[in-house]
Amino acid sequence: MAETKGFPMLPGAHWWALRDKFKQSIPGVVTDSYLTAALNMQAKSARANILPYLKDIGLIDSEGKTQDLAKEWRDDKLYPEVCKKMRNKVYPEELLAAIADPVENRQAAERWFANHTGAGISAVKRMTQFYTILAEADASKRPETRTQKPKINKKDATAKRTTPKKPSATEISGQVVPPQTGVRAPLGPPGVSINLEIHISADSTPDQIDKIFESIAKHIYKK
């Protein structure tokens, strides 16, 4: 049971990430430089926010050497029993008996940590979060790693949504039409259409009428 008023505030993300690292290979000694590489964090933060709590729960000793509990911690079947050992080592019987399930009694757990530590809201929430992880003692609770979807450029997305060109009637029928150059093919010699309006006086003689049509044929039709 912990004699101090402070309790572990190990972030859940670091808890699961470090367990994955231990599954791959258990280090002989856990140092701030090891945690810096394993958890991608600053050495100063590792010394203040990770190392002390690993010692509190019994994964490493005061010199940073890994303990037998660390080997059991990696095993999913032994995981519940390991979490129980850690709870009994760190938390007083008063808390374990009064709030055995912090998931259902989250507010009660936060009040307990606040009253017994005098810590601020942020620290109290982190204490409660880690206590919840140990109380659940379920290896399947590890959050899945989400892969980020590639971001799509808005300009590219707009370009991909362009309206497809509608096929012409010629393309649908299967006929091949050569590309138009803007010049129309000749359709033959141009024709001339002449409309004649002839006014003949009513008192004209037949000879005069014949002369008129002979003149038309001569000058227009060239007959």
C-alpha atoms as a PDB file:
ATOM      1  CA  MET A   1       0.000   0.000   0.000  1.00  0.00           C
ATOM      2  CA  ALA A   2       1.321   3.437  -0.878  1.00  0.00           C
ATOM      3  CA  GLU A   3       2.439   5.588   2.063  1.00  0.00           C
ATOM      4  CA  THR A   4       2.476   8.835   0.083  1.00  0.00           C
ATOM      5  CA  LYS A   5      -0.493  10.995  -0.786  1.00  0.00           C
ATOM      6  CA  GLY A   6       0.352  10.854  -4.482  1.00  0.00           C
ATOM      7  CA  PHE A   7      -0.820   8.072  -6.775  1.00  0.00           C
ATOM      8  CA  PRO A   8       0.336   6.967 -10.269  1.00  0.00           C
ATOM      9  CA  MET A   9      -0.793   9.103 -13.179  1.00  0.00           C
ATOM     10  CA  LEU A  10       0.644   6.972 -15.984  1.00  0.00           C
ATOM     11  CA  PRO A  11      -1.157   7.924 -19.234  1.00  0.00           C
ATOM     12  CA  GLY A  12      -3.129   5.105 -20.817  1.00  0.00           C
ATOM     13  CA  ALA A  13      -1.465   5.582 -24.206  1.00  0.00           C
ATOM     14  CA  HIS A  14       1.989   5.133 -22.631  1.00  0.00           C
ATOM     15  CA  TRP A  15       0.803   2.142 -20.595  1.00  0.00           C
ATOM     16  CA  TRP A  16      -0.275   0.206 -23.688  1.00  0.00           C
ATOM     17  CA  ALA A  17       2.611   1.365 -25.876  1.00  0.00           C
ATOM     18  CA  LEU A  18       5.175   0.352 -23.271  1.00  0.00           C
ATOM     19  CA  ARG A  19       3.496  -3.041 -22.827  1.00  0.00           C
ATOM     20  CA  ASP A  20       3.807  -3.604 -26.585  1.00  0.00           C
ATOM     21  CA  LYS A  21       7.515  -2.763 -26.347  1.00  0.00           C
ATOM     22  CA  PHE A  22       7.996  -5.196 -23.460  1.00  0.00           C
ATOM     23  CA  LYS A  23       6.263  -7.908 -25.501  1.00  0.00           C
ATOM     24  CA  GLN A  24       8.884  -7.441 -28.197  1.00  0.00           C
ATOM     25  CA  SER A  25      11.843  -7.394 -25.818  1.00  0.00           C
ATOM     26  CA  ILE A  26      12.224  -6.739 -22.093  1.00  0.00           C
ATOM     27  CA  PRO A  27      15.003  -4.251 -21.340  1.00  0.00           C
ATOM     28  CA  GLY A  28      17.364  -5.079 -18.505  1.00  0.00           C
ATOM     29  CA  VAL A  29      17.146  -1.521 -17.230  1.00  0.00           C
ATOM     30  CA  VAL A  30      14.512   1.107 -17.990  1.00  0.00           C
ATOM     31  CA  THR A  31      16.042   4.572 -18.249  1.00  0.00           C
ATOM     32  CA  ASP A  32      14.790   7.925 -19.390  1.00  0.00           C
ATOM     33  CA  SER A  33      16.690   7.470 -22.663  1.00  0.00           C
ATOM     34  CA  TYR A  34      14.956   4.107 -23.225  1.00  0.00           C
ATOM     35  CA  LEU A  35      11.555   5.694 -22.649  1.00  0.00           C
ATOM     36  CA  THR A  36      12.482   8.593 -24.922  1.00  0.00           C
ATOM     37  CA  ALA A  37      13.028   6.189 -27.812  1.00  0.00           C
ATOM     38  CA  ALA A  38      10.248   3.730 -26.949  1.00  0.00           C
ATOM     39  CA  LEU A  39       7.505   6.306 -26.355  1.00  0.00           C
ATOM     40  CA  ASN A  40       8.763   9.117 -28.592  1.00  0.00           C
ATOM     41  CA  MET A  41       8.905  11.669 -25.798  1.00  0.00           C
ATOM     42  CA  GLN A  42      11.330  14.073 -24.157  1.00  0.00           C
ATOM     43  CA  ALA A  43      13.757  12.694 -21.567  1.00  0.00           C
ATOM     44  CA  LYS A  44      12.666  15.306 -19.032  1.00  0.00           C
ATOM     45  CA  SER A  45       9.035  14.244 -19.385  1.00  0.00           C
ATOM     46  CA  ALA A  46       9.979  10.571 -19.119  1.00  0.00           C
ATOM     47  CA  ARG A  47      11.863  11.192 -15.845  1.00  0.00           C
ATOM     48  CA  ALA A  48       8.947  13.103 -14.336  1.00  0.00           C
ATOM     49  CA  ASN A  49       5.875  11.344 -15.731  1.00  0.00           C
ATOM     50  CA  ILE A  50       6.847   7.715 -16.424  1.00  0.00           C
ATOM     51  CA  LEU A  51       9.812   6.424 -14.427  1.00  0.00           C
ATOM     52  CA  PRO A  52       8.438   7.186 -10.923  1.00  0.00           C
ATOM     53  CA  TYR A  53       5.160   5.413 -11.661  1.00  0.00           C
ATOM     54  CA  LEU A  54       6.856   2.321 -13.108  1.00  0.00           C
ATOM     55  CA  LYS A  55       8.693   2.044  -9.774  1.00  0.00           C
ATOM     56  CA  ASP A  56       5.476   2.575  -7.773  1.00  0.00           C
ATOM     57  CA  ILE A  57       3.605  -0.264  -9.496  1.00  0.00           C
ATOM     58  CA  GLY A  58       6.596  -2.644  -9.304  1.00  0.00           C
ATOM     59  CA  LEU A  59       7.621  -3.065 -12.953  1.00  0.00           C
ATOM     60  CA  ILE A  60      11.125  -1.753 -12.151  1.00  0.00           C
ATOM     61  CA  ASP A  61      13.071  -1.304  -8.930  1.00  0.00           C
ATOM     62  CA  SER A  62      14.581   1.898  -7.557  1.00  0.00           C
ATOM     63  CA  GLU A  63      17.565   1.540  -9.902  1.00  0.00           C
ATOM     64  CA  GLY A  64      15.402   0.956 -12.992  1.00  0.00           C
ATOM     65  CA  LYS A  65      16.010  -2.793 -13.287  1.00  0.00           C
ATOM     66  CA  THR A  66      13.016  -4.704 -14.639  1.00  0.00           C
ATOM     67  CA  GLN A  67      11.329  -7.089 -12.204  1.00  0.00           C
ATOM     68  CA  ASP A  68       9.673 -10.475 -12.676  1.00  0.00           C
ATOM     69  CA  LEU A  69       6.311  -8.701 -12.651  1.00  0.00           C
ATOM     70  CA  ALA A  70       7.260  -7.106 -15.975  1.00  0.00           C
ATOM     71  CA  LYS A  71       7.512 -10.543 -17.582  1.00  0.00           C
ATOM     72  CA  GLU A  72       4.060 -11.514 -16.314  1.00  0.00           C
ATOM     73  CA  TRP A  73       2.654  -8.142 -17.395  1.00  0.00           C
ATOM     74  CA  ARG A  74       3.227  -9.057 -21.039  1.00  0.00           C
ATOM     75  CA  ASP A  75       1.106 -12.218 -20.854  1.00  0.00           C
ATOM     76  CA  ASP A  76      -2.580 -11.635 -21.646  1.00  0.00           C
ATOM     77  CA  LYS A  77      -3.639 -14.571 -19.437  1.00  0.00           C
ATOM     78  CA  LEU A  78      -1.635 -13.285 -16.480  1.00  0.00           C
ATOM     79  CA  TYR A  79      -2.555  -9.661 -17.109  1.00  0.00           C
ATOM     80  CA  PRO A  80      -5.615  -9.562 -14.740  1.00  0.00           C
ATOM     81  CA  GLU A  81      -3.595 -11.025 -11.844  1.00  0.00           C
ATOM     82  CA  VAL A  82      -0.721  -8.594 -12.498  1.00  0.00           C
ATOM     83  CA  CYS A  83      -3.130  -5.643 -12.379  1.00  0.00           C
ATOM     84  CA  LYS A  84      -4.503  -6.943  -9.080  1.00  0.00           C
ATOM     85  CA  LYS A  85      -0.978  -7.108  -7.616  1.00  0.00           C
ATOM     86  CA  MET A  86      -0.368  -3.536  -8.718  1.00  0.00           C
ATOM     87  CA  ARG A  87      -3.647  -2.318  -7.187  1.00  0.00           C
ATOM     88  CA  ASN A  88      -2.852  -3.953  -3.865  1.00  0.00           C
ATOM     89  CA  LYS A  89       0.659  -2.498  -3.895  1.00  0.00           C
ATOM     90  CA  VAL A  90      -0.340   1.079  -4.728  1.00  0.00           C
ATOM     91  CA  TYR A  91      -3.820   1.791  -3.354  1.00  0.00           C
ATOM     92  CA  PRO A  92      -5.171   1.582   0.205  1.00  0.00           C
ATOM     93  CA  GLU A  93      -7.782  -0.979   1.176  1.00  0.00           C
ATOM     94  CA  GLU A  94     -10.225   1.859   1.810  1.00  0.00           C
ATOM     95  CA  LEU A  95     -10.312   2.785  -1.879  1.00  0.00           C
ATOM     96  CA  LEU A  96     -10.316  -0.806  -3.144  1.00  0.00           C
ATOM     97  CA  ALA A  97     -13.286  -1.682  -0.941  1.00  0.00           C
ATOM     98  CA  ALA A  98     -15.308   1.501  -1.433  1.00  0.00           C
ATOM     99  CA  ILE A  99     -14.799   1.980  -5.173  1.00  0.00           C
ATOM    100  CA  ALA A 100     -13.922  -1.352  -6.709  1.00  0.00           C
ATOM    101  CA  ASP A 101     -15.447  -0.330 -10.042  1.00  0.00           C
ATOM    102  CA  PRO A 102     -14.377   3.217 -11.011  1.00  0.00           C
ATOM    103  CA  VAL A 103     -16.048   2.826 -14.395  1.00  0.00           C
ATOM    104  CA  GLU A 104     -19.482   2.834 -12.760  1.00  0.00           C
ATOM    105  CA  ASN A 105     -18.419   5.230  -9.995  1.00  0.00           C
ATOM    106  CA  ARG A 106     -16.177   7.650 -11.844  1.00  0.00           C
ATOM    107  CA  GLN A 107     -17.257  10.737  -9.907  1.00  0.00           C
ATOM    108  CA  ALA A 108     -16.868   8.957  -6.579  1.00  0.00           C
ATOM    109  CA  ALA A 109     -13.347   7.867  -7.549  1.00  0.00           C
ATOM    110  CA  GLU A 110     -12.400  11.409  -8.560  1.00  0.00           C
ATOM    111  CA  ARG A 111     -13.741  12.782  -5.263  1.00  0.00           C
ATOM    112  CA  TRP A 112     -11.713  10.208  -3.334  1.00  0.00           C
ATOM    113  CA  PHE A 113      -8.454  11.123  -5.090  1.00  0.00           C
ATOM    114  CA  ALA A 114      -9.193  14.828  -4.755  1.00  0.00           C
ATOM    115  CA  ASN A 115      -9.864  14.563  -1.004  1.00  0.00           C
ATOM    116  CA  HIS A 116      -6.886  12.312  -0.256  1.00  0.00           C
ATOM    117  CA  THR A 117      -4.277  14.090  -2.384  1.00  0.00           C
ATOM    118  CA  GLY A 118      -5.377  17.718  -2.575  1.00  0.00           C
ATOM    119  CA  ALA A 119      -4.382  17.631  -6.261  1.00  0.00           C
ATOM    120  CA  GLY A 120      -5.962  19.735  -8.979  1.00  0.00           C
ATOM    121  CA  ILE A 121      -8.624  18.610 -11.422  1.00  0.00           C
ATOM    122  CA  SER A 122      -6.188  17.550 -14.164  1.00  0.00           C
ATOM    123  CA  ALA A 123      -4.056  15.428 -11.841  1.00  0.00           C
ATOM    124  CA  VAL A 124      -7.117  13.886 -10.210  1.00  0.00           C
ATOM    125  CA  LYS A 125      -8.504  12.830 -13.593  1.00  0.00           C
ATOM    126  CA  ARG A 126      -5.197  11.202 -14.533  1.00  0.00           C
ATOM    127  CA  MET A 127      -5.063   9.324 -11.231  1.00  0.00           C
ATOM    128  CA  THR A 128      -8.606   8.100 -11.778  1.00  0.00           C
ATOM    129  CA  GLN A 129      -7.862   7.083 -15.346  1.00  0.00           C
ATOM    130  CA  PHE A 130      -4.927   4.880 -14.344  1.00  0.00           C
ATOM    131  CA  TYR A 131      -6.817   3.407 -11.408  1.00  0.00           C
ATOM    132  CA  THR A 132      -9.582   2.523 -13.896  1.00  0.00           C
ATOM    133  CA  ILE A 133      -7.112   0.728 -16.178  1.00  0.00           C
ATOM    134  CA  LEU A 134      -5.903  -1.443 -13.289  1.00  0.00           C
ATOM    135  CA  ALA A 135      -9.448  -2.023 -12.017  1.00  0.00           C
ATOM    136  CA  GLU A 136     -10.679  -3.186 -15.432  1.00  0.00           C
ATOM    137  CA  ALA A 137      -7.651  -5.512 -15.752  1.00  0.00           C
ATOM    138  CA  ASP A 138      -8.664  -6.351 -19.316  1.00  0.00           C
ATOM    139  CA  ALA A 139      -5.967  -6.668 -21.986  1.00  0.00           C
ATOM    140  CA  SER A 140      -8.609  -6.388 -24.711  1.00  0.00           C
ATOM    141  CA  LYS A 141      -9.315  -2.804 -23.618  1.00  0.00           C
ATOM    142  CA  ARG A 142      -6.247  -1.668 -25.512  1.00  0.00           C
ATOM    143  CA  PRO A 143      -7.452   0.975 -27.979  1.00  0.00           C
ATOM    144  CA  GLU A 144      -6.894   0.128 -31.609  1.00  0.00           C
ATOM    145  CA  THR A 145      -4.337   2.186 -33.486  1.00  0.00           C
ATOM    146  CA  ARG A 146      -6.156   4.255 -36.087  1.00  0.00           C
ATOM    147  CA  THR A 147      -4.565   4.869 -39.439  1.00  0.00           C
ATOM    148  CA  GLN A 148      -5.069   8.362 -40.753  1.00  0.00           C
ATOM    149  CA  LYS A 149      -6.669   8.752 -44.095  1.00  0.00           C
ATOM    150  CA  PRO A 150      -4.678  10.711 -46.616  1.00  0.00           C
ATOM    151  CA  LYS A 151      -5.862  14.255 -46.997  1.00  0.00           C
ATOM    152  CA  ILE A 152      -7.341  15.148 -50.360  1.00  0.00           C
ATOM    153  CA  ASN A 153      -6.522  18.479 -51.898  1.00  0.00           C
ATOM    154  CA  LYS A 154      -9.727  20.405 -52.632  1.00  0.00           C
ATOM    155  CA  LYS A 155      -8.437  21.432 -56.053  1.00  0.00           C
ATOM    156  CA  ASP A 156      -7.719  17.805 -56.967  1.00  0.00           C
ATOM    157  CA  ALA A 157     -11.131  16.731 -55.724  1.00  0.00           C
ATOM    158  CA  THR A 158     -12.793  19.433 -57.851  1.00  0.00           C
ATOM    159  CA  ALA A 159     -10.824  18.378 -60.907  1.00  0.00           C
ATOM    160  CA  LYS A 160     -11.895  14.759 -60.453  1.00  0.00           C
ATOM    161  CA  ARG A 161     -15.556  15.792 -60.308  1.00  0.00           C
ATOM    162  CA  THR A 162     -15.583  17.350 -63.818  1.00  0.00           C
ATOM    163  CA  THR A 163     -18.632  16.453 -65.910  1.00  0.00           C
ATOM    164  CA  PRO A 164     -17.826  13.751 -68.478  1.00  0.00           C
ATOM    165  CA  LYS A 165     -18.191  14.672 -72.144  1.00  0.00           C
ATOM    166  CA  LYS A 166     -21.392  13.427 -73.724  1.00  0.00           C
ATOM    167  CA  PRO A 167     -20.851  11.322 -76.874  1.00  0.00           C
ATOM    168  CA  SER A 168     -22.150  12.757 -80.123  1.00  0.00           C
ATOM    169  CA  ALA A 169     -24.779  11.083 -82.257  1.00  0.00           C
ATOM    170  CA  THR A 170     -22.063  10.101 -84.747  1.00  0.00           C
ATOM    171  CA  GLU A 171     -19.973   8.429 -82.033  1.00  0.00           C
ATOM    172  CA  ILE A 172     -22.993   6.479 -80.810  1.00  0.00           C
ATOM    173  CA  SER A 173     -23.761   5.174 -84.304  1.00  0.00           C
ATOM    174  CA  GLY A 174     -20.181   3.946 -84.669  1.00  0.00           C
ATOM    175  CA  GLN A 175     -19.317   6.163 -87.661  1.00  0.00           C
ATOM    176  CA  VAL A 176     -15.908   7.781 -87.763  1.00  0.00           C
ATOM    177  CA  VAL A 177     -15.968  11.476 -88.544  1.00  0.00           C
ATOM    178  CA  PRO A 178     -12.703  13.235 -89.439  1.00  0.00           C
ATOM    179  CA  PRO A 179     -11.880  16.257 -87.338  1.00  0.00           C
ATOM    180  CA  GLN A 180     -13.277  19.515 -88.678  1.00  0.00           C
ATOM    181  CA  THR A 181     -10.743  22.166 -89.630  1.00  0.00           C
ATOM    182  CA  GLY A 182     -13.208  25.016 -89.922  1.00  0.00           C
ATOM    183  CA  VAL A 183     -13.237  24.953 -93.799  1.00  0.00           C
ATOM    184  CA  ARG A 184     -16.252  23.500 -95.534  1.00  0.00           C
ATOM    185  CA  ALA A 185     -15.791  21.281 -98.564  1.00  0.00           C
ATOM    186  CA  PRO A 186     -17.044  22.786-101.892  1.00  0.00           C
ATOM    187  CA  LEU A 187     -20.532  21.702-102.882  1.00  0.00           C
ATOM    188  CA  GLY A 188     -20.178  22.461-106.627  1.00  0.00           C
ATOM    189  CA  PRO A 189     -20.456  25.641-108.734  1.00  0.00           C
ATOM    190  CA  PRO A 190     -22.764  28.279-107.332  1.00  0.00           C
ATOM    191  CA  GLY A 191     -26.137  28.608-109.021  1.00  0.00           C
ATOM    192  CA  VAL A 192     -27.948  31.841-109.988  1.00  0.00           C
ATOM    193  CA  SER A 193     -31.680  32.199-109.582  1.00  0.00           C
ATOM    194  CA  ILE A 194     -33.362  35.124-111.422  1.00  0.00           C
ATOM    195  CA  ASN A 195     -36.976  36.042-111.011  1.00  0.00           C
ATOM    196  CA  LEU A 196     -38.392  38.153-113.846  1.00  0.00           C
ATOM    197  CA  GLU A 197     -41.528  40.158-113.555  1.00  0.00           C
ATOM    198  CA  ILE A 198     -42.793  41.304-117.011  1.00  0.00           C
ATOM    199  CA  HIS A 199     -45.579  43.793-117.396  1.00  0.00           C
ATOM    200  CA  ILE A 200     -47.235  43.578-120.827  1.00  0.00           C
ATOM    201  CA  SER A 201     -49.728  46.140-121.813  1.00  0.00           C
ATOM    202  CA  ALA A 202     -53.164  44.815-122.636  1.00  0.00           C
ATOM    203  CA  ASP A 203     -53.194  46.525-126.026  1.00  0.00           C
ATOM    204  CA  SER A 204     -49.869  44.883-127.131  1.00  0.00           C
ATOM    205  CA  THR A 205     -50.047  42.925-130.376  1.00  0.00           C
ATOM    206  CA  PRO A 206     -48.914  39.291-130.620  1.00  0.00           C
ATOM    207  CA  ASP A 207     -45.868  40.404-132.619  1.00  0.00           C
ATOM    208  CA  GLN A 208     -44.838  42.789-129.868  1.00  0.00           C
ATOM    209  CA  ILE A 209     -45.182  40.039-127.240  1.00  0.00           C
ATOM    210  CA  ASP A 210     -43.022  37.667-129.303  1.00  0.00           C
ATOM    211  CA  LYS A 211     -40.361  40.351-129.646  1.00  0.00           C
ATOM    212  CA  ILE A 212     -40.295  40.788-125.871  1.00  0.00           C
ATOM    213  CA  PHE A 213     -39.621  37.069-125.201  1.00  0.00           C
ATOM    214  CA  GLU A 214     -37.078  36.888-128.006  1.00  0.00           C
ATOM    215  CA  SER A 215     -35.195  39.748-126.350  1.00  0.00           C
ATOM    216  CA  ILE A 216     -35.301  37.971-122.978  1.00  0.00           C
ATOM    217  CA  ALA A 217     -33.973  34.765-124.503  1.00  0.00           C
ATOM    218  CA  LYS A 218     -31.195  36.638-126.270  1.00  0.00           C
ATOM    219  CA  HIS A 219     -29.874  38.706-123.376  1.00  0.00           C
ATOM    220  CA  ILE A 220     -30.527  36.418-120.392  1.00  0.00           C
ATOM    221  CA  TYR A 221     -30.461  32.811-121.599  1.00  0.00           C
ATOM    222  CA  LYS A 222     -28.193  33.612-124.561  1.00  0.00           C
ATOM    223  CA  LYS A 223     -30.199  31.549-126.972  1.00  0.00           C
END
